[in-house]
C-alpha cells in the first residue's frame, strides 16, 4: 500500500469515491498521481463519467485543481479531449436511455467540462492536431446518426397514431349521439351534461391529435446537428404530450357517450365502463411517462448529470 495508485485508478473506474477519500485523507499527494498513460484520477473520472468523483476533485482549491487539469496523456489529450471521446463500454452511461438520450448526456458533459478549462487549453490540439471539438464530432458521428434515425422512427409511429385518433374524433363529431330534431337539426340531448362533456372532449381530442401530428412532422424538418440534441424541448416530447392528451380526451368522450346511450336505466354499465377507462388511463399514463423519458432525453442519468453539473459550475 506504499504505492496504492493502481488501486486508486481502478477505484476511479468503478466510481468508488469512499475508497479514494480514505487514501487521500492519509496520503493527499496521491491525488496527483498519474497512470501509465499519464492520466490522473481527474482524467479517469471524466473518461468514465463518474460525476461524484469529478465534483469531489473539482471542489479542491484552484491551485490543486489547475495542476491536475493541465496534465495531458501520451497522445497530448487534455481532459476535454477525453470528454469528447465516447465513454468506455463498461461505463454506466452507455446503458442509459436511447441514442438521443446518450447524445444529450455527451453534449452536456462536454460543455460542462469545457467550462473549467482556460479558453486556450480548450482549443488546444492533441498530437494528431485535433481539437476537442473536432474530436467530439468525429467520435459521435455514428451516435448522432443513430439518434436521428431513432427519433424519426418514433415520430413516424406517433403520426400514425395521432392520425387515427384525429379520424375517430372527426367521425364522432359528425355522428351526433342520440340523433337530432328533424325540423331544426338540434341534438336531442343538447341540454344534458353528458352531451356537453362529449362535445368538449371530442373537440379537444381532435385539436390535440392535430397538434401532435404537426409536432411530429416538425421532427423531420430538423437537420439534427449536434446543437439540436442540446435542446430541452424536443418535437418528439411535445408530440407525445399532445398525443397522450388526445387519447385521454377521446376516452372521456367515449365514457360520456355511454351515459347518453344508457340514459334510461342500467347506469351501472356506463359507470363500469368509466371505471375501466380510468384504470386504462393510469396504464397509458405510465407508458407515456416511460416513452417521453426516452424520447425527451429526460432519463434519470440526464437529470443526475444536470443536477451535479449545475451545482458544480454555478
C-alpha atoms as a PDB file:
ATOM      1  CA  UNK A   1       0.000   0.000   0.000  1.00  0.00           C
ATOM      2  CA  UNK A   2       3.009   2.330  -0.119  1.00  0.00           C
ATOM      3  CA  UNK A   3       2.165   2.868  -3.793  1.00  0.00           C
ATOM      4  CA  UNK A   4      -1.605   2.442  -3.983  1.00  0.00           C
ATOM      5  CA  UNK A   5      -2.038   4.330  -7.239  1.00  0.00           C
ATOM      6  CA  UNK A   6      -3.038   1.217  -9.296  1.00  0.00           C
ATOM      7  CA  UNK A   7      -5.855   0.607  -6.815  1.00  0.00           C
ATOM      8  CA  UNK A   8      -6.844   4.273  -6.988  1.00  0.00           C
ATOM      9  CA  UNK A   9      -7.295   4.211 -10.738  1.00  0.00           C
ATOM     10  CA  UNK A  10      -9.281   1.004 -10.539  1.00  0.00           C
ATOM     11  CA  UNK A  11     -11.467   2.625  -7.869  1.00  0.00           C
ATOM     12  CA  UNK A  12     -11.893   5.669 -10.129  1.00  0.00           C
ATOM     13  CA  UNK A  13     -13.029   3.438 -12.990  1.00  0.00           C
ATOM     14  CA  UNK A  14     -15.569   1.786 -10.685  1.00  0.00           C
ATOM     15  CA  UNK A  15     -16.716   5.100  -9.162  1.00  0.00           C
ATOM     16  CA  UNK A  16     -15.648   4.113  -5.635  1.00  0.00           C
ATOM     17  CA  UNK A  17     -15.301   7.541  -4.017  1.00  0.00           C
ATOM     18  CA  UNK A  18     -15.187   6.158  -0.470  1.00  0.00           C
ATOM     19  CA  UNK A  19     -12.000   4.213  -1.214  1.00  0.00           C
ATOM     20  CA  UNK A  20     -10.372   7.253  -2.810  1.00  0.00           C
ATOM     21  CA  UNK A  21     -11.283   9.562   0.077  1.00  0.00           C
ATOM     22  CA  UNK A  22      -9.822   7.050   2.543  1.00  0.00           C
ATOM     23  CA  UNK A  23      -6.473   7.081   0.724  1.00  0.00           C
ATOM     24  CA  UNK A  24      -6.404  10.834   0.145  1.00  0.00           C
ATOM     25  CA  UNK A  25      -7.071  11.586   3.789  1.00  0.00           C
ATOM     26  CA  UNK A  26      -3.856   9.782   4.692  1.00  0.00           C
ATOM     27  CA  UNK A  27      -1.840  10.490   1.539  1.00  0.00           C
ATOM     28  CA  UNK A  28      -3.086  13.757  -0.060  1.00  0.00           C
ATOM     29  CA  UNK A  29      -0.267  13.707  -2.614  1.00  0.00           C
ATOM     30  CA  UNK A  30      -1.746  10.564  -4.161  1.00  0.00           C
ATOM     31  CA  UNK A  31      -4.345  12.791  -5.793  1.00  0.00           C
ATOM     32  CA  UNK A  32      -1.673  13.967  -8.232  1.00  0.00           C
ATOM     33  CA  UNK A  33      -0.512  10.506  -9.281  1.00  0.00           C
ATOM     34  CA  UNK A  34      -0.808   9.509 -12.944  1.00  0.00           C
ATOM     35  CA  UNK A  35      -1.105   6.119 -14.585  1.00  0.00           C
ATOM     36  CA  UNK A  36       0.949   4.637 -17.422  1.00  0.00           C
ATOM     37  CA  UNK A  37      -0.905   6.872 -19.905  1.00  0.00           C
ATOM     38  CA  UNK A  38      -0.120   9.994 -17.848  1.00  0.00           C
ATOM     39  CA  UNK A  39      -3.792  10.321 -16.842  1.00  0.00           C
ATOM     40  CA  UNK A  40      -4.739  11.498 -13.359  1.00  0.00           C
ATOM     41  CA  UNK A  41      -7.736  10.451 -11.277  1.00  0.00           C
ATOM     42  CA  UNK A  42      -9.467  13.545 -12.592  1.00  0.00           C
ATOM     43  CA  UNK A  43      -8.969  12.365 -16.183  1.00  0.00           C
ATOM     44  CA  UNK A  44     -10.256   8.882 -15.364  1.00  0.00           C
ATOM     45  CA  UNK A  45     -13.352  10.385 -13.735  1.00  0.00           C
ATOM     46  CA  UNK A  46     -14.042  12.384 -16.896  1.00  0.00           C
ATOM     47  CA  UNK A  47     -13.458   9.376 -19.156  1.00  0.00           C
ATOM     48  CA  UNK A  48     -15.772   7.078 -17.209  1.00  0.00           C
ATOM     49  CA  UNK A  49     -18.328   9.822 -16.487  1.00  0.00           C
ATOM     50  CA  UNK A  50     -18.236   9.443 -12.703  1.00  0.00           C
ATOM     51  CA  UNK A  51     -19.767  12.754 -11.689  1.00  0.00           C
ATOM     52  CA  UNK A  52     -19.360  12.326  -7.933  1.00  0.00           C
ATOM     53  CA  UNK A  53     -15.608  11.794  -8.147  1.00  0.00           C
ATOM     54  CA  UNK A  54     -15.313  14.612 -10.645  1.00  0.00           C
ATOM     55  CA  UNK A  55     -17.193  17.006  -8.369  1.00  0.00           C
ATOM     56  CA  UNK A  56     -15.158  15.973  -5.315  1.00  0.00           C
ATOM     57  CA  UNK A  57     -11.864  16.744  -7.021  1.00  0.00           C
ATOM     58  CA  UNK A  58     -13.226  19.933  -8.524  1.00  0.00           C
ATOM     59  CA  UNK A  59     -14.081  21.238  -5.047  1.00  0.00           C
ATOM     60  CA  UNK A  60     -10.421  21.272  -4.153  1.00  0.00           C
ATOM     61  CA  UNK A  61      -8.509  24.519  -4.191  1.00  0.00           C
ATOM     62  CA  UNK A  62      -7.888  26.236  -7.538  1.00  0.00           C
ATOM     63  CA  UNK A  63      -4.151  25.526  -7.360  1.00  0.00           C
ATOM     64  CA  UNK A  64      -4.661  21.806  -6.819  1.00  0.00           C
ATOM     65  CA  UNK A  65      -7.319  21.630  -9.492  1.00  0.00           C
ATOM     66  CA  UNK A  66      -5.255  23.537 -12.057  1.00  0.00           C
ATOM     67  CA  UNK A  67      -2.272  21.247 -11.515  1.00  0.00           C
ATOM     68  CA  UNK A  68      -4.469  18.275 -12.336  1.00  0.00           C
ATOM     69  CA  UNK A  69      -6.400  19.835 -15.204  1.00  0.00           C
ATOM     70  CA  UNK A  70      -3.317  20.943 -17.112  1.00  0.00           C
ATOM     71  CA  UNK A  71      -1.989  17.397 -17.387  1.00  0.00           C
ATOM     72  CA  UNK A  72      -2.162  15.625 -20.766  1.00  0.00           C
ATOM     73  CA  UNK A  73      -1.816  11.967 -21.659  1.00  0.00           C
ATOM     74  CA  UNK A  74       0.717  10.360 -24.009  1.00  0.00           C
ATOM     75  CA  UNK A  75      -1.298  11.427 -27.056  1.00  0.00           C
ATOM     76  CA  UNK A  76      -1.492  15.042 -25.921  1.00  0.00           C
ATOM     77  CA  UNK A  77      -5.142  14.814 -24.922  1.00  0.00           C
ATOM     78  CA  UNK A  78      -6.327  17.031 -22.120  1.00  0.00           C
ATOM     79  CA  UNK A  79      -9.472  16.332 -20.085  1.00  0.00           C
ATOM     80  CA  UNK A  80     -11.671  17.970 -22.724  1.00  0.00           C
ATOM     81  CA  UNK A  81     -10.338  15.571 -25.354  1.00  0.00           C
ATOM     82  CA  UNK A  82     -11.242  12.710 -23.017  1.00  0.00           C
ATOM     83  CA  UNK A  83     -14.722  14.151 -22.543  1.00  0.00           C
ATOM     84  CA  UNK A  84     -15.035  14.360 -26.330  1.00  0.00           C
ATOM     85  CA  UNK A  85     -14.442  10.633 -26.727  1.00  0.00           C
ATOM     86  CA  UNK A  86     -17.187   8.074 -26.372  1.00  0.00           C
ATOM     87  CA  UNK A  87     -17.276   6.535 -22.889  1.00  0.00           C
ATOM     88  CA  UNK A  88     -15.803   3.061 -22.488  1.00  0.00           C
ATOM     89  CA  UNK A  89     -18.098   0.075 -22.915  1.00  0.00           C
ATOM     90  CA  UNK A  90     -18.042  -0.681 -19.195  1.00  0.00           C
ATOM     91  CA  UNK A  91     -19.187   2.826 -18.327  1.00  0.00           C
ATOM     92  CA  UNK A  92     -22.708   3.038 -16.881  1.00  0.00           C
ATOM     93  CA  UNK A  93     -23.613   5.983 -19.090  1.00  0.00           C
ATOM     94  CA  UNK A  94     -23.694   3.808 -22.211  1.00  0.00           C
ATOM     95  CA  UNK A  95     -26.691   1.927 -20.788  1.00  0.00           C
ATOM     96  CA  UNK A  96     -28.987   4.886 -20.124  1.00  0.00           C
ATOM     97  CA  UNK A  97     -31.825   5.758 -22.460  1.00  0.00           C
ATOM     98  CA  UNK A  98     -31.829   5.656 -26.219  1.00  0.00           C
ATOM     99  CA  UNK A  99     -29.345   7.127 -28.711  1.00  0.00           C
ATOM    100  CA  UNK A 100     -30.850  10.603 -28.408  1.00  0.00           C
ATOM    101  CA  UNK A 101     -30.573  10.425 -24.611  1.00  0.00           C
ATOM    102  CA  UNK A 102     -26.931   9.428 -24.830  1.00  0.00           C
ATOM    103  CA  UNK A 103     -26.219  12.230 -27.292  1.00  0.00           C
ATOM    104  CA  UNK A 104     -27.684  14.805 -24.927  1.00  0.00           C
ATOM    105  CA  UNK A 105     -25.698  13.485 -21.983  1.00  0.00           C
ATOM    106  CA  UNK A 106     -22.499  13.579 -24.021  1.00  0.00           C
ATOM    107  CA  UNK A 107     -23.124  17.165 -25.125  1.00  0.00           C
ATOM    108  CA  UNK A 108     -23.949  18.271 -21.596  1.00  0.00           C
ATOM    109  CA  UNK A 109     -20.863  16.593 -20.161  1.00  0.00           C
ATOM    110  CA  UNK A 110     -18.579  18.048 -22.853  1.00  0.00           C
ATOM    111  CA  UNK A 111     -19.978  21.542 -22.321  1.00  0.00           C
ATOM    112  CA  UNK A 112     -19.558  21.493 -18.553  1.00  0.00           C
ATOM    113  CA  UNK A 113     -16.039  20.048 -18.636  1.00  0.00           C
ATOM    114  CA  UNK A 114     -15.093  22.775 -21.092  1.00  0.00           C
ATOM    115  CA  UNK A 115     -16.152  25.440 -18.611  1.00  0.00           C
ATOM    116  CA  UNK A 116     -13.415  24.550 -16.115  1.00  0.00           C
ATOM    117  CA  UNK A 117     -10.664  24.896 -18.726  1.00  0.00           C
ATOM    118  CA  UNK A 118      -8.907  28.028 -19.831  1.00  0.00           C
ATOM    119  CA  UNK A 119     -10.076  29.017 -23.362  1.00  0.00           C
ATOM    120  CA  UNK A 120      -6.577  28.415 -24.700  1.00  0.00           C
ATOM    121  CA  UNK A 121      -6.479  24.906 -23.240  1.00  0.00           C
ATOM    122  CA  UNK A 122      -9.992  24.192 -24.508  1.00  0.00           C
ATOM    123  CA  UNK A 123      -8.890  24.915 -28.092  1.00  0.00           C
ATOM    124  CA  UNK A 124      -5.525  23.203 -27.800  1.00  0.00           C
ATOM    125  CA  UNK A 125      -4.918  20.369 -30.305  1.00  0.00           C
ATOM    126  CA  UNK A 126      -3.524  16.986 -29.369  1.00  0.00           C
ATOM    127  CA  UNK A 127      -0.518  15.373 -31.018  1.00  0.00           C
ATOM    128  CA  UNK A 128      -2.679  14.446 -34.016  1.00  0.00           C
ATOM    129  CA  UNK A 129      -3.648  18.078 -34.483  1.00  0.00           C
ATOM    130  CA  UNK A 130      -7.285  17.610 -33.464  1.00  0.00           C
ATOM    131  CA  UNK A 131      -9.084  19.965 -31.132  1.00  0.00           C
ATOM    132  CA  UNK A 132     -11.526  18.594 -28.581  1.00  0.00           C
ATOM    133  CA  UNK A 133     -14.488  19.877 -30.574  1.00  0.00           C
ATOM    134  CA  UNK A 134     -13.310  18.217 -33.768  1.00  0.00           C
ATOM    135  CA  UNK A 135     -12.671  15.005 -31.872  1.00  0.00           C
ATOM    136  CA  UNK A 136     -16.178  15.135 -30.391  1.00  0.00           C
ATOM    137  CA  UNK A 137     -17.749  15.443 -33.847  1.00  0.00           C
ATOM    138  CA  UNK A 138     -15.664  12.565 -35.181  1.00  0.00           C
ATOM    139  CA  UNK A 139     -16.296  10.264 -32.226  1.00  0.00           C
ATOM    140  CA  UNK A 140     -20.050  10.885 -32.074  1.00  0.00           C
ATOM    141  CA  UNK A 141     -20.873  10.727 -35.773  1.00  0.00           C
ATOM    142  CA  UNK A 142     -22.374   7.233 -35.586  1.00  0.00           C
ATOM    143  CA  UNK A 143     -24.240   8.041 -32.374  1.00  0.00           C
ATOM    144  CA  UNK A 144     -25.705  11.189 -33.962  1.00  0.00           C
ATOM    145  CA  UNK A 145     -26.892   9.179 -36.980  1.00  0.00           C
ATOM    146  CA  UNK A 146     -28.479   6.568 -34.710  1.00  0.00           C
ATOM    147  CA  UNK A 147     -30.165   9.300 -32.670  1.00  0.00           C
ATOM    148  CA  UNK A 148     -31.587  10.880 -35.820  1.00  0.00           C
ATOM    149  CA  UNK A 149     -32.953   7.555 -37.097  1.00  0.00           C
ATOM    150  CA  UNK A 150     -34.337   6.653 -33.660  1.00  0.00           C
ATOM    151  CA  UNK A 151     -36.120   9.989 -33.294  1.00  0.00           C
ATOM    152  CA  UNK A 152     -37.655   9.852 -36.764  1.00  0.00           C
ATOM    153  CA  UNK A 153     -38.940   6.315 -36.213  1.00  0.00           C
ATOM    154  CA  UNK A 154     -40.736   7.417 -33.045  1.00  0.00           C
ATOM    155  CA  UNK A 155     -42.114  10.494 -34.821  1.00  0.00           C
ATOM    156  CA  UNK A 156     -43.370   8.355 -37.704  1.00  0.00           C
ATOM    157  CA  UNK A 157     -45.172   5.984 -35.336  1.00  0.00           C
ATOM    158  CA  UNK A 158     -46.637   8.960 -33.490  1.00  0.00           C
ATOM    159  CA  UNK A 159     -48.001  10.432 -36.721  1.00  0.00           C
ATOM    160  CA  UNK A 160     -49.835   7.173 -37.494  1.00  0.00           C
ATOM    161  CA  UNK A 161     -51.393   7.036 -34.022  1.00  0.00           C
ATOM    162  CA  UNK A 162     -52.335  10.728 -33.992  1.00  0.00           C
ATOM    163  CA  UNK A 163     -53.888  10.474 -37.457  1.00  0.00           C
ATOM    164  CA  UNK A 164     -56.021   7.534 -36.329  1.00  0.00           C
ATOM    165  CA  UNK A 165     -57.256   9.440 -33.273  1.00  0.00           C
ATOM    166  CA  UNK A 166     -57.999  12.542 -35.349  1.00  0.00           C
ATOM    167  CA  UNK A 167     -60.026  10.434 -37.786  1.00  0.00           C
ATOM    168  CA  UNK A 168     -62.048   8.834 -34.996  1.00  0.00           C
ATOM    169  CA  UNK A 169     -62.661  12.194 -33.299  1.00  0.00           C
ATOM    170  CA  UNK A 170     -63.741  13.824 -36.555  1.00  0.00           C
ATOM    171  CA  UNK A 171     -66.116  10.950 -37.369  1.00  0.00           C
ATOM    172  CA  UNK A 172     -67.605  11.059 -33.866  1.00  0.00           C
ATOM    173  CA  UNK A 173     -68.249  14.784 -34.233  1.00  0.00           C
ATOM    174  CA  UNK A 174     -70.331  14.160 -37.363  1.00  0.00           C
ATOM    175  CA  UNK A 175     -72.289  11.344 -35.721  1.00  0.00           C
ATOM    176  CA  UNK A 176     -74.343  13.059 -33.009  1.00  0.00           C
ATOM    177  CA  UNK A 177     -75.213  10.580 -30.223  1.00  0.00           C
ATOM    178  CA  UNK A 178     -78.944  10.296 -29.685  1.00  0.00           C
ATOM    179  CA  UNK A 179     -79.877  11.815 -33.048  1.00  0.00           C
ATOM    180  CA  UNK A 180     -81.219  15.285 -33.867  1.00  0.00           C
ATOM    181  CA  UNK A 181     -84.587  17.001 -34.276  1.00  0.00           C
ATOM    182  CA  UNK A 182     -85.962  16.522 -37.773  1.00  0.00           C
ATOM    183  CA  UNK A 183     -87.139  20.125 -38.104  1.00  0.00           C
ATOM    184  CA  UNK A 184     -84.298  22.089 -36.524  1.00  0.00           C
ATOM    185  CA  UNK A 185     -81.437  19.608 -36.552  1.00  0.00           C
ATOM    186  CA  UNK A 186     -80.775  20.284 -32.867  1.00  0.00           C
ATOM    187  CA  UNK A 187     -79.419  17.269 -30.938  1.00  0.00           C
ATOM    188  CA  UNK A 188     -81.985  15.628 -28.673  1.00  0.00           C
ATOM    189  CA  UNK A 189     -79.709  15.647 -25.631  1.00  0.00           C
ATOM    190  CA  UNK A 190     -78.078  19.013 -26.132  1.00  0.00           C
ATOM    191  CA  UNK A 191     -79.034  20.081 -22.604  1.00  0.00           C
ATOM    192  CA  UNK A 192     -77.610  17.016 -20.885  1.00  0.00           C
ATOM    193  CA  UNK A 193     -74.292  17.323 -19.078  1.00  0.00           C
ATOM    194  CA  UNK A 194     -73.054  14.089 -20.650  1.00  0.00           C
ATOM    195  CA  UNK A 195     -73.639  15.500 -24.142  1.00  0.00           C
ATOM    196  CA  UNK A 196     -71.751  18.699 -23.316  1.00  0.00           C
ATOM    197  CA  UNK A 197     -68.833  16.677 -21.937  1.00  0.00           C
ATOM    198  CA  UNK A 198     -68.871  14.527 -25.063  1.00  0.00           C
ATOM    199  CA  UNK A 199     -68.769  17.558 -27.378  1.00  0.00           C
ATOM    200  CA  UNK A 200     -65.945  19.278 -25.493  1.00  0.00           C
ATOM    201  CA  UNK A 201     -63.877  16.089 -25.153  1.00  0.00           C
ATOM    202  CA  UNK A 202     -64.289  15.175 -28.801  1.00  0.00           C
ATOM    203  CA  UNK A 203     -63.218  18.655 -29.922  1.00  0.00           C
ATOM    204  CA  UNK A 204     -60.227  18.579 -27.571  1.00  0.00           C
ATOM    205  CA  UNK A 205     -59.199  15.130 -28.851  1.00  0.00           C
ATOM    206  CA  UNK A 206     -59.359  16.386 -32.429  1.00  0.00           C
ATOM    207  CA  UNK A 207     -57.348  19.522 -31.660  1.00  0.00           C
ATOM    208  CA  UNK A 208     -54.633  17.790 -29.632  1.00  0.00           C
ATOM    209  CA  UNK A 209     -54.247  14.973 -32.140  1.00  0.00           C
ATOM    210  CA  UNK A 210     -53.898  17.532 -34.947  1.00  0.00           C
ATOM    211  CA  UNK A 211     -51.349  19.432 -32.883  1.00  0.00           C
ATOM    212  CA  UNK A 212     -49.490  16.179 -32.249  1.00  0.00           C
ATOM    213  CA  UNK A 213     -49.294  15.488 -35.981  1.00  0.00           C
ATOM    214  CA  UNK A 214     -47.797  18.919 -36.631  1.00  0.00           C
ATOM    215  CA  UNK A 215     -45.246  18.479 -33.863  1.00  0.00           C
ATOM    216  CA  UNK A 216     -44.197  15.050 -35.075  1.00  0.00           C
ATOM    217  CA  UNK A 217     -43.860  16.360 -38.626  1.00  0.00           C
ATOM    218  CA  UNK A 218     -41.564  19.130 -37.364  1.00  0.00           C
ATOM    219  CA  UNK A 219     -39.187  16.398 -36.172  1.00  0.00           C
ATOM    220  CA  UNK A 220     -38.473  15.590 -39.820  1.00  0.00           C
ATOM    221  CA  UNK A 221     -37.567  19.203 -40.638  1.00  0.00           C
ATOM    222  CA  UNK A 222     -34.634  19.308 -38.205  1.00  0.00           C
ATOM    223  CA  UNK A 223     -31.106  18.983 -39.556  1.00  0.00           C
ATOM    224  CA  UNK A 224     -30.109  17.028 -36.428  1.00  0.00           C
ATOM    225  CA  UNK A 225     -26.890  18.857 -35.833  1.00  0.00           C
ATOM    226  CA  UNK A 226     -25.107  18.353 -32.541  1.00  0.00           C
ATOM    227  CA  UNK A 227     -26.596  21.500 -31.029  1.00  0.00           C
ATOM    228  CA  UNK A 228     -30.124  20.270 -31.805  1.00  0.00           C
ATOM    229  CA  UNK A 229     -29.774  17.477 -29.262  1.00  0.00           C
ATOM    230  CA  UNK A 230     -28.937  20.010 -26.564  1.00  0.00           C
ATOM    231  CA  UNK A 231     -32.477  21.399 -26.641  1.00  0.00           C
ATOM    232  CA  UNK A 232     -34.772  20.548 -23.723  1.00  0.00           C
ATOM    233  CA  UNK A 233     -37.947  20.963 -25.808  1.00  0.00           C
ATOM    234  CA  UNK A 234     -37.795  18.295 -28.481  1.00  0.00           C
ATOM    235  CA  UNK A 235     -40.584  17.906 -31.078  1.00  0.00           C
ATOM    236  CA  UNK A 236     -40.956  14.260 -30.114  1.00  0.00           C
ATOM    237  CA  UNK A 237     -41.610  15.110 -26.471  1.00  0.00           C
ATOM    238  CA  UNK A 238     -44.175  17.747 -27.416  1.00  0.00           C
ATOM    239  CA  UNK A 239     -45.791  15.345 -29.867  1.00  0.00           C
ATOM    240  CA  UNK A 240     -46.051  12.585 -27.269  1.00  0.00           C
ATOM    241  CA  UNK A 241     -47.523  15.028 -24.796  1.00  0.00           C
ATOM    242  CA  UNK A 242     -50.232  16.135 -27.244  1.00  0.00           C
ATOM    243  CA  UNK A 243     -50.860  12.528 -28.277  1.00  0.00           C
ATOM    244  CA  UNK A 244     -51.374  11.474 -24.668  1.00  0.00           C
ATOM    245  CA  UNK A 245     -53.857  14.317 -24.081  1.00  0.00           C
ATOM    246  CA  UNK A 246     -55.772  13.419 -27.241  1.00  0.00           C
ATOM    247  CA  UNK A 247     -56.078   9.795 -26.061  1.00  0.00           C
ATOM    248  CA  UNK A 248     -57.349  10.931 -22.660  1.00  0.00           C
ATOM    249  CA  UNK A 249     -59.960  13.260 -24.142  1.00  0.00           C
ATOM    250  CA  UNK A 250     -61.050  10.575 -26.595  1.00  0.00           C
ATOM    251  CA  UNK A 251     -61.638   8.174 -23.706  1.00  0.00           C
ATOM    252  CA  UNK A 252     -63.528  10.828 -21.741  1.00  0.00           C
ATOM    253  CA  UNK A 253     -65.751  11.452 -24.743  1.00  0.00           C
ATOM    254  CA  UNK A 254     -66.383   7.724 -25.085  1.00  0.00           C
ATOM    255  CA  UNK A 255     -67.490   7.482 -21.451  1.00  0.00           C
ATOM    256  CA  UNK A 256     -69.789  10.473 -21.864  1.00  0.00           C
ATOM    257  CA  UNK A 257     -71.304   8.830 -24.925  1.00  0.00           C
ATOM    258  CA  UNK A 258     -72.037   5.702 -22.888  1.00  0.00           C
ATOM    259  CA  UNK A 259     -74.031   7.763 -20.386  1.00  0.00           C
ATOM    260  CA  UNK A 260     -76.087   9.107 -23.295  1.00  0.00           C
ATOM    261  CA  UNK A 261     -76.697   5.649 -24.773  1.00  0.00           C
ATOM    262  CA  UNK A 262     -77.713   4.116 -21.426  1.00  0.00           C
ATOM    263  CA  UNK A 263     -79.681   7.120 -20.211  1.00  0.00           C
ATOM    264  CA  UNK A 264     -82.782   5.030 -19.432  1.00  0.00           C
ATOM    265  CA  UNK A 265     -81.766   2.698 -16.624  1.00  0.00           C
ATOM    266  CA  UNK A 266     -78.749   0.354 -16.428  1.00  0.00           C
ATOM    267  CA  UNK A 267     -76.464   3.161 -15.218  1.00  0.00           C
ATOM    268  CA  UNK A 268     -74.135   0.532 -13.842  1.00  0.00           C
ATOM    269  CA  UNK A 269     -72.926  -0.126 -17.396  1.00  0.00           C
ATOM    270  CA  UNK A 270     -71.532   3.380 -18.105  1.00  0.00           C
ATOM    271  CA  UNK A 271     -70.216   3.561 -14.527  1.00  0.00           C
ATOM    272  CA  UNK A 272     -68.351   0.283 -15.017  1.00  0.00           C
ATOM    273  CA  UNK A 273     -67.033   1.474 -18.373  1.00  0.00           C
ATOM    274  CA  UNK A 274     -65.854   4.733 -16.781  1.00  0.00           C
ATOM    275  CA  UNK A 275     -64.017   2.812 -14.043  1.00  0.00           C
ATOM    276  CA  UNK A 276     -62.351   0.609 -16.654  1.00  0.00           C
ATOM    277  CA  UNK A 277     -61.402   3.691 -18.653  1.00  0.00           C
ATOM    278  CA  UNK A 278     -59.863   5.321 -15.595  1.00  0.00           C
ATOM    279  CA  UNK A 279     -57.789   2.198 -14.964  1.00  0.00           C
ATOM    280  CA  UNK A 280     -56.674   2.136 -18.598  1.00  0.00           C
ATOM    281  CA  UNK A 281     -55.770   5.845 -18.377  1.00  0.00           C
ATOM    282  CA  UNK A 282     -53.416   5.137 -15.499  1.00  0.00           C
ATOM    283  CA  UNK A 283     -51.664   2.453 -17.511  1.00  0.00           C
ATOM    284  CA  UNK A 284     -51.454   4.730 -20.552  1.00  0.00           C
ATOM    285  CA  UNK A 285     -50.015   7.486 -18.363  1.00  0.00           C
ATOM    286  CA  UNK A 286     -47.263   5.189 -17.100  1.00  0.00           C
ATOM    287  CA  UNK A 287     -46.434   4.151 -20.660  1.00  0.00           C
ATOM    288  CA  UNK A 288     -46.404   7.794 -21.690  1.00  0.00           C
ATOM    289  CA  UNK A 289     -44.017   8.736 -18.917  1.00  0.00           C
ATOM    290  CA  UNK A 290     -41.643   5.960 -19.925  1.00  0.00           C
ATOM    291  CA  UNK A 291     -41.763   6.842 -23.612  1.00  0.00           C
ATOM    292  CA  UNK A 292     -41.443  10.561 -23.002  1.00  0.00           C
ATOM    293  CA  UNK A 293     -38.436   9.978 -20.754  1.00  0.00           C
ATOM    294  CA  UNK A 294     -36.687   8.101 -23.557  1.00  0.00           C
ATOM    295  CA  UNK A 295     -37.675  10.483 -26.348  1.00  0.00           C
ATOM    296  CA  UNK A 296     -37.303  13.706 -24.379  1.00  0.00           C
ATOM    297  CA  UNK A 297     -33.813  12.905 -23.247  1.00  0.00           C
ATOM    298  CA  UNK A 298     -35.021  13.131 -19.608  1.00  0.00           C
ATOM    299  CA  UNK A 299     -33.781   9.868 -18.225  1.00  0.00           C
ATOM    300  CA  UNK A 300     -32.577   9.620 -14.646  1.00  0.00           C
ATOM    301  CA  UNK A 301     -28.986   9.711 -15.886  1.00  0.00           C
ATOM    302  CA  UNK A 302     -29.608  13.059 -17.592  1.00  0.00           C
ATOM    303  CA  UNK A 303     -31.272  14.512 -14.531  1.00  0.00           C
ATOM    304  CA  UNK A 304     -28.366  13.357 -12.361  1.00  0.00           C
ATOM    305  CA  UNK A 305     -25.927  14.948 -14.773  1.00  0.00           C
ATOM    306  CA  UNK A 306     -27.769  18.252 -14.829  1.00  0.00           C
ATOM    307  CA  UNK A 307     -28.136  18.382 -11.047  1.00  0.00           C
ATOM    308  CA  UNK A 308     -24.478  17.618 -10.413  1.00  0.00           C
ATOM    309  CA  UNK A 309     -23.096  19.900 -13.084  1.00  0.00           C
ATOM    310  CA  UNK A 310     -25.459  22.774 -12.248  1.00  0.00           C
ATOM    311  CA  UNK A 311     -24.342  22.669  -8.617  1.00  0.00           C
ATOM    312  CA  UNK A 312     -20.754  22.153  -9.670  1.00  0.00           C
ATOM    313  CA  UNK A 313     -20.353  25.051 -12.057  1.00  0.00           C
ATOM    314  CA  UNK A 314     -22.909  27.543 -10.754  1.00  0.00           C
END
